[in-house]
Amino acid sequence: MFKKETLRKFIINEFLSDTSGEEIGNDMDLIATGIIDSLAVLKIISFIEMTNDIAIDPDELDPEKLNSIDAIYNLIESKISQVA
């Protein structure tokens, strides 16, 4: 089972390598704060698809579904439950 902490660590390691990431809340808007951009979203999607053996359709790439750790995790959980 995919854990939210795995996603959090990936985002911190990939996009906030110069900080511990403690100041990043799971509900923080990562796009509005400039932590991630469109290329970062693609990298996150690739990570999600590879680690969970799921496919995220282009029509699911809604910024509201990808703007925070909580939102991204909810998208992952919904995709996993569709496969199961």
C-alpha atoms as a PDB file:
ATOM      1  CA  MET A   1       0.000   0.000   0.000  1.00  0.00           C
ATOM      2  CA  PHE A   2       1.277   3.435  -0.943  1.00  0.00           C
ATOM      3  CA  LYS A   3       1.842   5.724   2.025  1.00  0.00           C
ATOM      4  CA  LYS A   4       1.384   9.461   2.142  1.00  0.00           C
ATOM      5  CA  GLU A   5       4.810   9.752   3.777  1.00  0.00           C
ATOM      6  CA  THR A   6       6.385   8.148   0.678  1.00  0.00           C
ATOM      7  CA  LEU A   7       4.852  10.860  -1.495  1.00  0.00           C
ATOM      8  CA  ARG A   8       5.885  13.565   0.967  1.00  0.00           C
ATOM      9  CA  LYS A   9       9.501  12.346   1.036  1.00  0.00           C
ATOM     10  CA  PHE A  10       9.625  12.197  -2.765  1.00  0.00           C
ATOM     11  CA  ILE A  11       8.390  15.778  -3.103  1.00  0.00           C
ATOM     12  CA  ILE A  12      10.787  17.066  -0.446  1.00  0.00           C
ATOM     13  CA  ASN A  13      13.777  15.188  -1.881  1.00  0.00           C
ATOM     14  CA  GLU A  14      13.078  16.194  -5.480  1.00  0.00           C
ATOM     15  CA  PHE A  15      11.916  19.781  -5.092  1.00  0.00           C
ATOM     16  CA  LEU A  16      13.084  20.973  -1.666  1.00  0.00           C
ATOM     17  CA  SER A  17      16.482  19.355  -1.313  1.00  0.00           C
ATOM     18  CA  ASP A  18      17.872  22.394   0.489  1.00  0.00           C
ATOM     19  CA  THR A  19      15.402  22.119   3.378  1.00  0.00           C
ATOM     20  CA  SER A  20      14.057  19.489   5.752  1.00  0.00           C
ATOM     21  CA  GLY A  21      10.530  20.086   4.478  1.00  0.00           C
ATOM     22  CA  GLU A  22       9.113  20.355   7.984  1.00  0.00           C
ATOM     23  CA  GLU A  23       7.455  23.649   7.082  1.00  0.00           C
ATOM     24  CA  ILE A  24       5.503  21.977   4.273  1.00  0.00           C
ATOM     25  CA  GLY A  25       2.037  20.971   5.425  1.00  0.00           C
ATOM     26  CA  ASN A  26       0.163  18.205   3.670  1.00  0.00           C
ATOM     27  CA  ASP A  27      -2.525  20.712   2.712  1.00  0.00           C
ATOM     28  CA  MET A  28      -0.138  23.459   1.512  1.00  0.00           C
ATOM     29  CA  ASP A  29      -0.746  24.570  -2.077  1.00  0.00           C
ATOM     30  CA  LEU A  30       2.507  23.495  -3.710  1.00  0.00           C
ATOM     31  CA  ILE A  31       1.689  25.110  -7.050  1.00  0.00           C
ATOM     32  CA  ALA A  32       0.639  28.514  -5.697  1.00  0.00           C
ATOM     33  CA  THR A  33       3.718  28.682  -3.467  1.00  0.00           C
ATOM     34  CA  GLY A  34       5.998  27.870  -6.401  1.00  0.00           C
ATOM     35  CA  ILE A  35       7.338  24.665  -4.867  1.00  0.00           C
ATOM     36  CA  ILE A  36       6.233  22.706  -7.915  1.00  0.00           C
ATOM     37  CA  ASP A  37       5.541  23.755 -11.496  1.00  0.00           C
ATOM     38  CA  SER A  38       4.144  21.976 -14.545  1.00  0.00           C
ATOM     39  CA  LEU A  39       7.348  19.996 -15.111  1.00  0.00           C
ATOM     40  CA  ALA A  40       7.402  18.964 -11.465  1.00  0.00           C
ATOM     41  CA  VAL A  41       3.792  17.781 -11.779  1.00  0.00           C
ATOM     42  CA  LEU A  42       4.826  15.526 -14.672  1.00  0.00           C
ATOM     43  CA  LYS A  43       7.683  14.127 -12.602  1.00  0.00           C
ATOM     44  CA  ILE A  44       5.313  13.443  -9.695  1.00  0.00           C
ATOM     45  CA  ILE A  45       2.821  11.743 -12.017  1.00  0.00           C
ATOM     46  CA  SER A  46       5.597   9.562 -13.431  1.00  0.00           C
ATOM     47  CA  PHE A  47       6.686   8.612  -9.906  1.00  0.00           C
ATOM     48  CA  ILE A  48       3.098   7.765  -8.926  1.00  0.00           C
ATOM     49  CA  GLU A  49       2.506   5.646 -12.010  1.00  0.00           C
ATOM     50  CA  MET A  50       5.768   3.727 -11.636  1.00  0.00           C
ATOM     51  CA  THR A  51       5.475   3.061  -7.899  1.00  0.00           C
ATOM     52  CA  ASN A  52       1.787   2.133  -7.922  1.00  0.00           C
ATOM     53  CA  ASP A  53       1.383   0.439 -11.307  1.00  0.00           C
ATOM     54  CA  ILE A  54      -1.476   2.754 -12.237  1.00  0.00           C
ATOM     55  CA  ALA A  55      -2.110   5.142 -15.116  1.00  0.00           C
ATOM     56  CA  ILE A  56      -3.324   8.671 -14.645  1.00  0.00           C
ATOM     57  CA  ASP A  57      -5.286   9.955 -17.600  1.00  0.00           C
ATOM     58  CA  PRO A  58      -4.584  13.420 -19.013  1.00  0.00           C
ATOM     59  CA  ASP A  59      -8.115  14.552 -18.093  1.00  0.00           C
ATOM     60  CA  GLU A  60      -7.254  13.820 -14.440  1.00  0.00           C
ATOM     61  CA  LEU A  61      -4.405  16.345 -14.464  1.00  0.00           C
ATOM     62  CA  ASP A  62      -6.536  18.997 -12.820  1.00  0.00           C
ATOM     63  CA  PRO A  63      -4.474  21.448 -10.721  1.00  0.00           C
ATOM     64  CA  GLU A  64      -6.935  21.041  -7.834  1.00  0.00           C
ATOM     65  CA  LYS A  65      -6.122  17.313  -7.736  1.00  0.00           C
ATOM     66  CA  LEU A  66      -2.383  17.992  -7.788  1.00  0.00           C
ATOM     67  CA  ASN A  67      -1.850  21.133  -5.710  1.00  0.00           C
ATOM     68  CA  SER A  68      -1.036  19.573  -2.331  1.00  0.00           C
ATOM     69  CA  ILE A  69       0.295  16.368  -0.843  1.00  0.00           C
ATOM     70  CA  ASP A  70      -3.213  15.573   0.445  1.00  0.00           C
ATOM     71  CA  ALA A  71      -4.795  16.167  -2.981  1.00  0.00           C
ATOM     72  CA  ILE A  72      -2.192  14.078  -4.807  1.00  0.00           C
ATOM     73  CA  TYR A  73      -2.536  11.285  -2.254  1.00  0.00           C
ATOM     74  CA  ASN A  74      -6.333  11.312  -2.639  1.00  0.00           C
ATOM     75  CA  LEU A  75      -5.904  10.968  -6.411  1.00  0.00           C
ATOM     76  CA  ILE A  76      -3.588   7.993  -5.887  1.00  0.00           C
ATOM     77  CA  GLU A  77      -6.002   6.337  -3.480  1.00  0.00           C
ATOM     78  CA  SER A  78      -8.930   6.795  -5.882  1.00  0.00           C
ATOM     79  CA  LYS A  79      -6.928   5.283  -8.756  1.00  0.00           C
ATOM     80  CA  ILE A  80      -5.791   2.327  -6.645  1.00  0.00           C
ATOM     81  CA  SER A  81      -9.366   1.645  -5.516  1.00  0.00           C
ATOM     82  CA  GLN A  82     -10.523   1.664  -9.174  1.00  0.00           C
ATOM     83  CA  VAL A  83      -7.939  -0.985 -10.021  1.00  0.00           C
ATOM     84  CA  ALA A  84      -8.693  -3.190  -7.018  1.00  0.00           C
END
